[in-house]
């Protein structure tokens, strides 16, 4: 079994990363990490979007711009670790998801609706927050993509909140944080 670990933890000593490693230690399979901090992922500007649309229209997925979508579609399980920022997650994760959401690789249209082409049966989303989370648009976005586009039937979120309120550091997050699971 292969597990794709998408690391959107932008800080050193990330509490989200500590929580992710703790959750993943009980998972079995080969972990392939995509560290979004070190990848050269470009936003879809006018030029890149036009190029991508032309390639998708012709059915040519050989361009390197499709590497993230191909990888995402082929893995058995997906784990995303992203801190809670501005009611969502860091922008680099949104840019990555734009690169992953490709008609003909991760989904296709059938009868005018998206139909998922991803192999994964489960996606786990892991986040931490310094304060309370009143609305988690980040997880809602990822869950909507997983279920409506990628065909991933099970999504689950692990989150630890109020870490700055409780003064919880990366070193003691597992001992002190209240970790909840959202399905």
N, C-alpha and C. Protein backbone atom coordinates (compact mmCIF):
# COMPACT_ATOMS: atom_id res chain seq x y z
N UNK A 1 0.84 -1.18 0.00
CA UNK A 1 0.00 0.00 0.00
C UNK A 1 0.88 1.24 0.00
N UNK A 2 0.49 2.23 -0.77
CA UNK A 2 1.25 3.48 -0.84
C UNK A 2 0.42 4.62 -0.25
N UNK A 3 1.10 5.46 0.52
CA UNK A 3 0.46 6.59 1.18
C UNK A 3 1.13 7.86 0.67
N UNK A 4 0.35 8.73 0.06
CA UNK A 4 0.87 10.02 -0.38
C UNK A 4 0.68 11.02 0.76
N UNK A 5 1.79 11.55 1.27
CA UNK A 5 1.77 12.52 2.36
C UNK A 5 2.07 13.90 1.78
N UNK A 6 1.06 14.75 1.79
CA UNK A 6 1.20 16.11 1.28
C UNK A 6 1.48 17.02 2.47
N UNK A 7 2.69 17.53 2.54
CA UNK A 7 3.16 18.33 3.66
C UNK A 7 3.05 19.81 3.31
N UNK A 8 2.03 20.46 3.88
CA UNK A 8 1.86 21.90 3.69
C UNK A 8 2.20 22.67 4.98
N UNK A 9 3.04 22.08 5.81
CA UNK A 9 3.46 22.70 7.07
C UNK A 9 4.61 23.66 6.77
N UNK A 10 4.35 24.94 6.84
CA UNK A 10 5.33 25.92 6.40
C UNK A 10 6.30 26.38 7.49
N UNK A 11 5.99 26.11 8.72
CA UNK A 11 6.88 26.53 9.81
C UNK A 11 7.81 25.40 10.23
N UNK A 12 9.02 25.79 10.65
CA UNK A 12 9.88 24.82 11.33
C UNK A 12 9.23 24.52 12.68
N UNK A 13 9.45 23.35 13.20
CA UNK A 13 8.83 22.92 14.47
C UNK A 13 7.32 23.05 14.42
N UNK A 14 6.76 22.65 13.31
CA UNK A 14 5.32 22.74 13.11
C UNK A 14 4.56 21.77 14.01
N UNK A 15 3.58 22.30 14.72
CA UNK A 15 2.74 21.45 15.56
C UNK A 15 1.87 20.55 14.68
N UNK A 16 1.48 21.04 13.51
CA UNK A 16 0.71 20.21 12.59
C UNK A 16 1.54 19.01 12.15
N UNK A 17 2.82 19.22 11.89
CA UNK A 17 3.69 18.11 11.48
C UNK A 17 3.84 17.09 12.60
N UNK A 18 3.97 17.56 13.83
CA UNK A 18 4.08 16.64 14.97
C UNK A 18 2.82 15.78 15.06
N UNK A 19 1.67 16.41 14.93
CA UNK A 19 0.40 15.68 14.98
C UNK A 19 0.31 14.69 13.81
N UNK A 20 0.71 15.12 12.63
CA UNK A 20 0.67 14.24 11.44
C UNK A 20 1.55 13.02 11.63
N UNK A 21 2.76 13.22 12.10
CA UNK A 21 3.67 12.08 12.32
C UNK A 21 3.09 11.11 13.34
N UNK A 22 2.45 11.64 14.37
CA UNK A 22 1.85 10.78 15.38
C UNK A 22 0.71 9.94 14.79
N UNK A 23 -0.11 10.55 13.97
CA UNK A 23 -1.23 9.83 13.35
C UNK A 23 -0.72 8.82 12.33
N UNK A 24 0.29 9.19 11.58
CA UNK A 24 0.79 8.32 10.52
C UNK A 24 1.63 7.15 11.03
N UNK A 25 2.12 7.23 12.26
CA UNK A 25 2.98 6.15 12.75
C UNK A 25 2.26 4.81 12.83
N UNK A 26 0.96 4.83 12.96
CA UNK A 26 0.19 3.60 13.03
C UNK A 26 -0.32 3.14 11.66
N UNK A 27 -0.03 3.89 10.63
CA UNK A 27 -0.46 3.51 9.28
C UNK A 27 0.57 2.58 8.66
N UNK A 28 0.10 1.64 7.87
CA UNK A 28 1.02 0.72 7.22
C UNK A 28 1.07 1.01 5.73
N UNK A 29 2.27 1.01 5.22
CA UNK A 29 2.46 1.26 3.79
C UNK A 29 3.69 2.12 3.57
N UNK A 30 4.05 2.25 2.32
CA UNK A 30 5.18 3.09 1.94
C UNK A 30 4.71 4.53 1.80
N UNK A 31 5.35 5.42 2.55
CA UNK A 31 4.97 6.83 2.54
C UNK A 31 5.82 7.58 1.52
N UNK A 32 5.14 8.30 0.64
CA UNK A 32 5.79 9.15 -0.33
C UNK A 32 5.41 10.58 0.04
N UNK A 33 6.40 11.39 0.41
CA UNK A 33 6.12 12.75 0.86
C UNK A 33 6.32 13.75 -0.27
N UNK A 34 5.35 14.65 -0.38
CA UNK A 34 5.48 15.82 -1.25
C UNK A 34 5.52 17.02 -0.31
N UNK A 35 6.71 17.59 -0.14
CA UNK A 35 6.89 18.75 0.73
C UNK A 35 6.65 20.00 -0.11
N UNK A 36 5.51 20.62 0.09
CA UNK A 36 5.14 21.77 -0.74
C UNK A 36 6.07 22.96 -0.55
N UNK A 37 6.84 22.96 0.53
CA UNK A 37 7.80 24.04 0.76
C UNK A 37 9.00 23.95 -0.16
N UNK A 38 9.29 22.76 -0.65
CA UNK A 38 10.48 22.57 -1.48
C UNK A 38 10.15 22.32 -2.95
N UNK A 39 8.90 22.11 -3.26
CA UNK A 39 8.48 21.88 -4.65
C UNK A 39 8.35 23.23 -5.36
N UNK A 40 8.57 23.21 -6.65
CA UNK A 40 8.43 24.43 -7.46
C UNK A 40 7.06 24.37 -8.14
N UNK A 41 6.01 24.59 -7.36
CA UNK A 41 4.64 24.50 -7.87
C UNK A 41 4.20 25.90 -8.28
N UNK A 42 3.82 26.02 -9.53
CA UNK A 42 3.42 27.32 -10.06
C UNK A 42 1.91 27.46 -10.07
N UNK A 43 1.45 28.65 -9.78
CA UNK A 43 0.02 28.94 -9.88
C UNK A 43 -0.39 28.94 -11.34
N UNK A 44 -1.64 28.60 -11.56
CA UNK A 44 -2.15 28.59 -12.94
C UNK A 44 -2.47 30.02 -13.37
N UNK A 45 -1.51 30.63 -14.05
CA UNK A 45 -1.75 31.94 -14.63
C UNK A 45 -2.34 31.75 -16.03
N UNK A 46 -2.56 32.81 -16.74
CA UNK A 46 -3.19 32.75 -18.07
C UNK A 46 -2.43 31.82 -19.02
N UNK A 47 -1.11 31.97 -19.06
CA UNK A 47 -0.28 31.18 -19.98
C UNK A 47 -0.29 29.69 -19.62
N UNK A 48 -0.08 29.38 -18.35
CA UNK A 48 -0.06 27.97 -17.93
C UNK A 48 -1.42 27.31 -18.09
N UNK A 49 -2.48 28.06 -17.80
CA UNK A 49 -3.82 27.51 -17.95
C UNK A 49 -4.13 27.21 -19.41
N UNK A 50 -3.76 28.10 -20.30
CA UNK A 50 -3.99 27.87 -21.73
C UNK A 50 -3.22 26.63 -22.21
N UNK A 51 -1.98 26.50 -21.75
CA UNK A 51 -1.17 25.32 -22.12
C UNK A 51 -1.82 24.05 -21.59
N UNK A 52 -2.22 24.08 -20.33
CA UNK A 52 -2.84 22.89 -19.72
C UNK A 52 -4.13 22.53 -20.44
N UNK A 53 -4.97 23.50 -20.72
CA UNK A 53 -6.24 23.23 -21.39
C UNK A 53 -6.01 22.61 -22.77
N UNK A 54 -5.02 23.11 -23.50
CA UNK A 54 -4.72 22.56 -24.83
C UNK A 54 -4.25 21.11 -24.72
N UNK A 55 -3.39 20.83 -23.75
CA UNK A 55 -2.89 19.46 -23.56
C UNK A 55 -4.01 18.52 -23.12
N UNK A 56 -4.84 18.96 -22.20
CA UNK A 56 -5.97 18.13 -21.74
C UNK A 56 -6.91 17.85 -22.91
N UNK A 57 -7.21 18.88 -23.69
CA UNK A 57 -8.11 18.73 -24.83
C UNK A 57 -7.58 17.71 -25.85
N UNK A 58 -6.25 17.69 -26.02
CA UNK A 58 -5.64 16.75 -26.97
C UNK A 58 -5.40 15.37 -26.35
N UNK A 59 -5.59 15.26 -25.03
CA UNK A 59 -5.36 13.98 -24.35
C UNK A 59 -3.89 13.67 -24.13
N UNK A 60 -3.04 14.69 -24.20
CA UNK A 60 -1.59 14.53 -24.02
C UNK A 60 -1.22 14.90 -22.58
N UNK A 61 -0.97 13.87 -21.77
CA UNK A 61 -0.62 14.10 -20.36
C UNK A 61 0.86 13.82 -20.09
N UNK A 62 1.68 13.93 -21.13
CA UNK A 62 3.11 13.64 -20.98
C UNK A 62 3.91 14.81 -20.42
N UNK A 63 3.36 15.99 -20.43
CA UNK A 63 4.06 17.17 -19.92
C UNK A 63 4.30 17.03 -18.41
N UNK A 64 5.46 17.48 -17.92
CA UNK A 64 5.75 17.41 -16.48
C UNK A 64 4.72 18.14 -15.60
N UNK A 65 3.95 19.07 -16.16
CA UNK A 65 2.96 19.79 -15.36
C UNK A 65 1.90 18.84 -14.78
N UNK A 66 1.80 17.63 -15.30
CA UNK A 66 0.79 16.68 -14.84
C UNK A 66 1.34 15.69 -13.81
N UNK A 67 2.58 15.86 -13.38
CA UNK A 67 3.19 14.88 -12.47
C UNK A 67 2.44 14.79 -11.14
N UNK A 68 2.00 15.90 -10.59
CA UNK A 68 1.29 15.86 -9.30
C UNK A 68 -0.07 15.18 -9.43
N UNK A 69 -0.78 15.45 -10.51
CA UNK A 69 -2.08 14.83 -10.72
C UNK A 69 -1.94 13.32 -10.90
N UNK A 70 -0.96 12.89 -11.68
CA UNK A 70 -0.74 11.46 -11.89
C UNK A 70 -0.39 10.76 -10.59
N UNK A 71 0.48 11.37 -9.82
CA UNK A 71 0.87 10.78 -8.53
C UNK A 71 -0.32 10.69 -7.60
N UNK A 72 -1.07 11.76 -7.48
CA UNK A 72 -2.24 11.81 -6.61
C UNK A 72 -3.25 10.74 -7.00
N UNK A 73 -3.49 10.57 -8.28
CA UNK A 73 -4.48 9.62 -8.77
C UNK A 73 -4.08 8.17 -8.51
N UNK A 74 -2.79 7.90 -8.40
CA UNK A 74 -2.31 6.52 -8.33
C UNK A 74 -2.09 5.98 -6.92
N UNK A 75 -2.14 6.82 -5.91
CA UNK A 75 -1.83 6.37 -4.55
C UNK A 75 -3.03 5.71 -3.88
N UNK A 76 -2.73 4.82 -2.93
CA UNK A 76 -3.77 4.07 -2.22
C UNK A 76 -4.47 4.90 -1.14
N UNK A 77 -3.73 5.82 -0.54
CA UNK A 77 -4.27 6.64 0.54
C UNK A 77 -3.59 8.01 0.48
N UNK A 78 -4.32 9.04 0.87
CA UNK A 78 -3.80 10.41 0.84
C UNK A 78 -3.87 10.98 2.26
N UNK A 79 -2.77 11.61 2.69
CA UNK A 79 -2.74 12.33 3.97
C UNK A 79 -2.26 13.74 3.67
N UNK A 80 -3.02 14.72 4.15
CA UNK A 80 -2.64 16.12 3.97
C UNK A 80 -2.46 16.74 5.35
N UNK A 81 -1.31 17.36 5.58
CA UNK A 81 -1.05 18.08 6.82
C UNK A 81 -0.90 19.55 6.49
N UNK A 82 -1.80 20.37 7.05
CA UNK A 82 -1.78 21.81 6.76
C UNK A 82 -2.27 22.58 7.98
N UNK A 83 -1.52 23.58 8.43
CA UNK A 83 -2.01 24.39 9.54
C UNK A 83 -3.24 25.18 9.14
N UNK A 84 -4.04 25.53 10.12
CA UNK A 84 -5.25 26.32 9.90
C UNK A 84 -4.85 27.79 9.80
N UNK A 85 -5.05 28.37 8.62
CA UNK A 85 -4.70 29.77 8.38
C UNK A 85 -5.87 30.47 7.73
N UNK A 86 -6.25 31.59 8.23
CA UNK A 86 -7.25 32.46 7.59
C UNK A 86 -8.49 31.68 7.13
N UNK A 87 -9.05 30.89 8.02
CA UNK A 87 -10.23 30.07 7.78
C UNK A 87 -9.99 28.93 6.80
N UNK A 88 -8.74 28.65 6.49
CA UNK A 88 -8.44 27.60 5.54
C UNK A 88 -7.08 26.99 5.76
N UNK A 89 -6.20 27.18 4.79
CA UNK A 89 -4.86 26.60 4.84
C UNK A 89 -3.91 27.49 4.04
N UNK A 90 -2.59 27.23 4.10
CA UNK A 90 -1.64 28.03 3.33
C UNK A 90 -1.91 27.98 1.82
N UNK A 91 -1.66 29.07 1.14
CA UNK A 91 -1.94 29.19 -0.29
C UNK A 91 -1.25 28.13 -1.13
N UNK A 92 -0.09 27.67 -0.70
CA UNK A 92 0.63 26.67 -1.50
C UNK A 92 -0.17 25.38 -1.64
N UNK A 93 -1.01 25.06 -0.66
CA UNK A 93 -1.85 23.86 -0.78
C UNK A 93 -2.93 24.07 -1.84
N UNK A 94 -3.50 25.26 -1.92
CA UNK A 94 -4.49 25.56 -2.96
C UNK A 94 -3.85 25.45 -4.34
N UNK A 95 -2.64 25.97 -4.47
CA UNK A 95 -1.91 25.88 -5.74
C UNK A 95 -1.66 24.42 -6.11
N UNK A 96 -1.28 23.61 -5.13
CA UNK A 96 -1.07 22.18 -5.38
C UNK A 96 -2.37 21.51 -5.83
N UNK A 97 -3.47 21.82 -5.15
CA UNK A 97 -4.75 21.20 -5.51
C UNK A 97 -5.17 21.59 -6.93
N UNK A 98 -4.84 22.81 -7.35
CA UNK A 98 -5.11 23.20 -8.74
C UNK A 98 -4.33 22.33 -9.71
N UNK A 99 -3.11 21.97 -9.34
CA UNK A 99 -2.29 21.12 -10.20
C UNK A 99 -2.80 19.67 -10.21
N UNK A 100 -3.45 19.25 -9.15
CA UNK A 100 -3.97 17.89 -9.02
C UNK A 100 -5.31 17.71 -9.73
N UNK A 101 -6.12 18.72 -9.75
CA UNK A 101 -7.48 18.62 -10.28
C UNK A 101 -7.46 18.79 -11.81
N UNK A 102 -7.25 17.66 -12.48
CA UNK A 102 -7.08 17.65 -13.93
C UNK A 102 -8.06 16.64 -14.55
N UNK A 103 -8.92 17.14 -15.41
CA UNK A 103 -9.84 16.27 -16.14
C UNK A 103 -9.04 15.29 -16.99
N UNK A 104 -9.36 14.01 -16.87
CA UNK A 104 -8.64 12.98 -17.59
C UNK A 104 -7.61 12.26 -16.76
N UNK A 105 -7.27 12.82 -15.59
CA UNK A 105 -6.32 12.16 -14.69
C UNK A 105 -6.96 11.85 -13.34
N UNK A 106 -7.43 12.89 -12.63
CA UNK A 106 -8.03 12.65 -11.32
C UNK A 106 -9.55 12.58 -11.38
N UNK A 107 -10.12 13.04 -12.48
CA UNK A 107 -11.57 12.93 -12.67
C UNK A 107 -11.87 13.04 -14.16
N UNK A 108 -13.09 12.70 -14.51
CA UNK A 108 -13.59 12.92 -15.86
C UNK A 108 -15.06 13.28 -15.75
N UNK A 109 -15.61 13.80 -16.82
CA UNK A 109 -17.03 14.13 -16.81
C UNK A 109 -17.83 12.98 -17.43
N UNK A 110 -18.89 12.59 -16.73
CA UNK A 110 -19.84 11.60 -17.23
C UNK A 110 -21.24 12.16 -17.03
N UNK A 111 -21.98 12.20 -18.08
CA UNK A 111 -23.33 12.76 -18.05
C UNK A 111 -23.35 14.15 -17.42
N UNK A 112 -22.35 14.94 -17.75
CA UNK A 112 -22.29 16.31 -17.30
C UNK A 112 -21.87 16.52 -15.86
N UNK A 113 -21.41 15.45 -15.20
CA UNK A 113 -21.00 15.54 -13.79
C UNK A 113 -19.59 14.96 -13.62
N UNK A 114 -18.82 15.48 -12.67
CA UNK A 114 -17.50 14.90 -12.44
C UNK A 114 -17.60 13.48 -11.89
N UNK A 115 -16.70 12.62 -12.34
CA UNK A 115 -16.60 11.24 -11.88
C UNK A 115 -15.15 10.99 -11.51
N UNK A 116 -14.91 10.56 -10.28
CA UNK A 116 -13.55 10.39 -9.78
C UNK A 116 -12.79 9.24 -10.40
N UNK A 117 -11.50 9.49 -10.64
CA UNK A 117 -10.61 8.49 -11.22
C UNK A 117 -9.47 8.11 -10.27
N UNK A 118 -9.49 8.60 -9.04
CA UNK A 118 -8.40 8.33 -8.11
C UNK A 118 -8.55 6.95 -7.49
N UNK A 119 -7.41 6.33 -7.25
CA UNK A 119 -7.35 5.00 -6.67
C UNK A 119 -7.64 5.01 -5.16
N UNK A 120 -7.29 6.08 -4.48
CA UNK A 120 -7.42 6.16 -3.02
C UNK A 120 -8.86 5.99 -2.57
N UNK A 121 -9.04 5.28 -1.49
CA UNK A 121 -10.35 5.09 -0.89
C UNK A 121 -10.55 6.03 0.31
N UNK A 122 -9.42 6.58 0.83
CA UNK A 122 -9.51 7.42 2.02
C UNK A 122 -8.53 8.58 1.93
N UNK A 123 -8.98 9.73 2.43
CA UNK A 123 -8.15 10.91 2.55
C UNK A 123 -8.24 11.39 3.99
N UNK A 124 -7.09 11.63 4.59
CA UNK A 124 -7.01 12.14 5.96
C UNK A 124 -6.42 13.54 5.91
N UNK A 125 -7.10 14.46 6.58
CA UNK A 125 -6.68 15.86 6.64
C UNK A 125 -6.31 16.18 8.09
N UNK A 126 -5.13 16.75 8.30
CA UNK A 126 -4.63 17.01 9.65
C UNK A 126 -4.31 18.50 9.75
N UNK A 127 -4.85 19.14 10.82
CA UNK A 127 -4.61 20.56 10.99
C UNK A 127 -4.49 20.91 12.47
N UNK A 128 -3.84 22.01 12.73
CA UNK A 128 -3.78 22.57 14.08
C UNK A 128 -4.07 24.06 13.99
N UNK A 129 -4.53 24.61 15.11
CA UNK A 129 -4.89 26.02 15.14
C UNK A 129 -4.49 26.64 16.48
N UNK A 130 -3.98 27.85 16.41
CA UNK A 130 -3.63 28.56 17.63
C UNK A 130 -4.85 28.94 18.45
N UNK A 131 -5.96 29.17 17.79
CA UNK A 131 -7.20 29.55 18.47
C UNK A 131 -8.32 28.59 18.11
N UNK A 132 -9.54 29.01 18.35
CA UNK A 132 -10.68 28.15 18.00
C UNK A 132 -10.91 28.13 16.49
N UNK A 133 -11.57 27.11 16.02
CA UNK A 133 -11.96 27.03 14.61
C UNK A 133 -13.47 27.13 14.56
N UNK A 134 -13.96 28.26 14.07
CA UNK A 134 -15.40 28.47 13.97
C UNK A 134 -15.94 27.95 12.64
N UNK A 135 -15.14 28.10 11.59
CA UNK A 135 -15.52 27.61 10.27
C UNK A 135 -14.25 27.13 9.59
N UNK A 136 -14.21 25.87 9.22
CA UNK A 136 -13.02 25.29 8.59
C UNK A 136 -13.27 25.12 7.10
N UNK A 137 -13.08 26.19 6.36
CA UNK A 137 -13.28 26.14 4.92
C UNK A 137 -12.20 25.31 4.23
N UNK A 138 -11.05 25.16 4.88
CA UNK A 138 -9.97 24.35 4.31
C UNK A 138 -10.37 22.89 4.21
N UNK A 139 -10.81 22.31 5.32
CA UNK A 139 -11.24 20.92 5.29
C UNK A 139 -12.47 20.75 4.42
N UNK A 140 -13.40 21.69 4.47
CA UNK A 140 -14.60 21.60 3.64
C UNK A 140 -14.23 21.57 2.15
N UNK A 141 -13.26 22.37 1.76
CA UNK A 141 -12.80 22.41 0.37
C UNK A 141 -12.18 21.07 -0.03
N UNK A 142 -11.28 20.55 0.81
CA UNK A 142 -10.60 19.28 0.51
C UNK A 142 -11.62 18.15 0.47
N UNK A 143 -12.55 18.12 1.41
CA UNK A 143 -13.57 17.07 1.45
C UNK A 143 -14.45 17.13 0.20
N UNK A 144 -14.82 18.33 -0.23
CA UNK A 144 -15.65 18.48 -1.43
C UNK A 144 -14.91 17.99 -2.67
N UNK A 145 -13.64 18.33 -2.80
CA UNK A 145 -12.87 17.83 -3.94
C UNK A 145 -12.77 16.31 -3.91
N UNK A 146 -12.45 15.76 -2.74
CA UNK A 146 -12.28 14.31 -2.60
C UNK A 146 -13.55 13.57 -3.01
N UNK A 147 -14.68 14.00 -2.51
CA UNK A 147 -15.93 13.29 -2.76
C UNK A 147 -16.56 13.61 -4.10
N UNK A 148 -16.49 14.86 -4.52
CA UNK A 148 -17.20 15.29 -5.73
C UNK A 148 -16.37 15.18 -7.01
N UNK A 149 -15.05 15.23 -6.89
CA UNK A 149 -14.22 15.17 -8.08
C UNK A 149 -13.35 13.92 -8.14
N UNK A 150 -12.68 13.58 -7.05
CA UNK A 150 -11.67 12.52 -7.10
C UNK A 150 -12.22 11.12 -6.90
N UNK A 151 -13.43 11.00 -6.37
CA UNK A 151 -14.00 9.68 -6.12
C UNK A 151 -13.47 9.01 -4.87
N UNK A 152 -12.95 9.80 -3.95
CA UNK A 152 -12.45 9.25 -2.68
C UNK A 152 -13.61 9.26 -1.69
N UNK A 153 -14.07 8.08 -1.33
CA UNK A 153 -15.30 7.94 -0.56
C UNK A 153 -15.21 8.32 0.91
N UNK A 154 -14.05 8.16 1.52
CA UNK A 154 -13.93 8.42 2.96
C UNK A 154 -12.96 9.57 3.20
N UNK A 155 -13.41 10.57 3.94
CA UNK A 155 -12.52 11.64 4.38
C UNK A 155 -12.66 11.76 5.89
N UNK A 156 -11.55 12.11 6.51
CA UNK A 156 -11.52 12.26 7.96
C UNK A 156 -10.55 13.38 8.28
N UNK A 157 -10.90 14.20 9.26
CA UNK A 157 -10.01 15.29 9.68
C UNK A 157 -9.64 15.11 11.15
N UNK A 158 -8.38 15.30 11.43
CA UNK A 158 -7.88 15.36 12.80
C UNK A 158 -7.46 16.80 13.02
N UNK A 159 -7.88 17.36 14.14
CA UNK A 159 -7.47 18.73 14.41
C UNK A 159 -7.25 18.94 15.90
N UNK A 160 -6.28 19.79 16.17
CA UNK A 160 -5.98 20.22 17.54
C UNK A 160 -6.11 21.74 17.52
N UNK A 161 -6.95 22.27 18.41
CA UNK A 161 -7.24 23.70 18.39
C UNK A 161 -6.83 24.37 19.70
N UNK A 162 -6.86 25.70 19.68
CA UNK A 162 -6.54 26.54 20.85
C UNK A 162 -5.12 26.32 21.37
N UNK A 163 -4.21 26.00 20.50
CA UNK A 163 -2.85 25.69 20.94
C UNK A 163 -2.12 26.91 21.48
N UNK A 164 -2.38 28.09 20.92
CA UNK A 164 -1.74 29.30 21.44
C UNK A 164 -2.43 29.76 22.73
N UNK A 165 -3.72 29.53 22.82
CA UNK A 165 -4.46 29.89 24.03
C UNK A 165 -3.95 29.06 25.21
N UNK A 166 -3.70 27.80 24.95
CA UNK A 166 -3.23 26.89 26.00
C UNK A 166 -1.71 26.86 26.10
N UNK A 167 -1.02 27.61 25.24
CA UNK A 167 0.45 27.66 25.20
C UNK A 167 1.06 26.27 24.98
N UNK A 168 0.55 25.57 24.00
CA UNK A 168 1.02 24.23 23.68
C UNK A 168 2.07 24.34 22.58
N UNK A 169 3.25 23.78 22.84
CA UNK A 169 4.35 23.82 21.88
C UNK A 169 4.38 22.54 21.06
N UNK A 170 5.25 22.52 20.06
CA UNK A 170 5.41 21.31 19.25
C UNK A 170 5.87 20.15 20.12
N UNK A 171 6.67 20.47 21.13
CA UNK A 171 7.22 19.41 21.98
C UNK A 171 6.16 18.74 22.86
N UNK A 172 5.13 19.46 23.25
CA UNK A 172 4.14 18.85 24.14
C UNK A 172 2.74 18.76 23.54
N UNK A 173 2.63 18.89 22.24
CA UNK A 173 1.31 18.88 21.61
C UNK A 173 0.56 17.57 21.87
N UNK A 174 1.24 16.45 21.82
CA UNK A 174 0.55 15.17 21.97
C UNK A 174 0.12 14.92 23.41
N UNK A 175 0.81 15.53 24.34
CA UNK A 175 0.45 15.37 25.75
C UNK A 175 -0.68 16.31 26.18
N UNK A 176 -0.69 17.52 25.64
CA UNK A 176 -1.58 18.55 26.15
C UNK A 176 -2.75 18.92 25.24
N UNK A 177 -2.61 18.68 23.95
CA UNK A 177 -3.64 19.13 23.02
C UNK A 177 -4.87 18.25 23.07
N UNK A 178 -6.00 18.88 22.90
CA UNK A 178 -7.25 18.14 22.74
C UNK A 178 -7.44 17.92 21.24
N UNK A 179 -7.33 16.68 20.84
CA UNK A 179 -7.37 16.34 19.42
C UNK A 179 -8.75 15.76 19.11
N UNK A 180 -9.40 16.33 18.10
CA UNK A 180 -10.72 15.84 17.72
C UNK A 180 -10.67 15.27 16.31
N UNK A 181 -11.61 14.39 16.03
CA UNK A 181 -11.72 13.76 14.71
C UNK A 181 -13.06 14.15 14.13
N UNK A 182 -13.04 14.57 12.87
CA UNK A 182 -14.26 14.98 12.17
C UNK A 182 -14.41 14.09 10.95
N UNK A 183 -15.58 13.50 10.82
CA UNK A 183 -15.80 12.64 9.65
C UNK A 183 -16.86 13.21 8.77
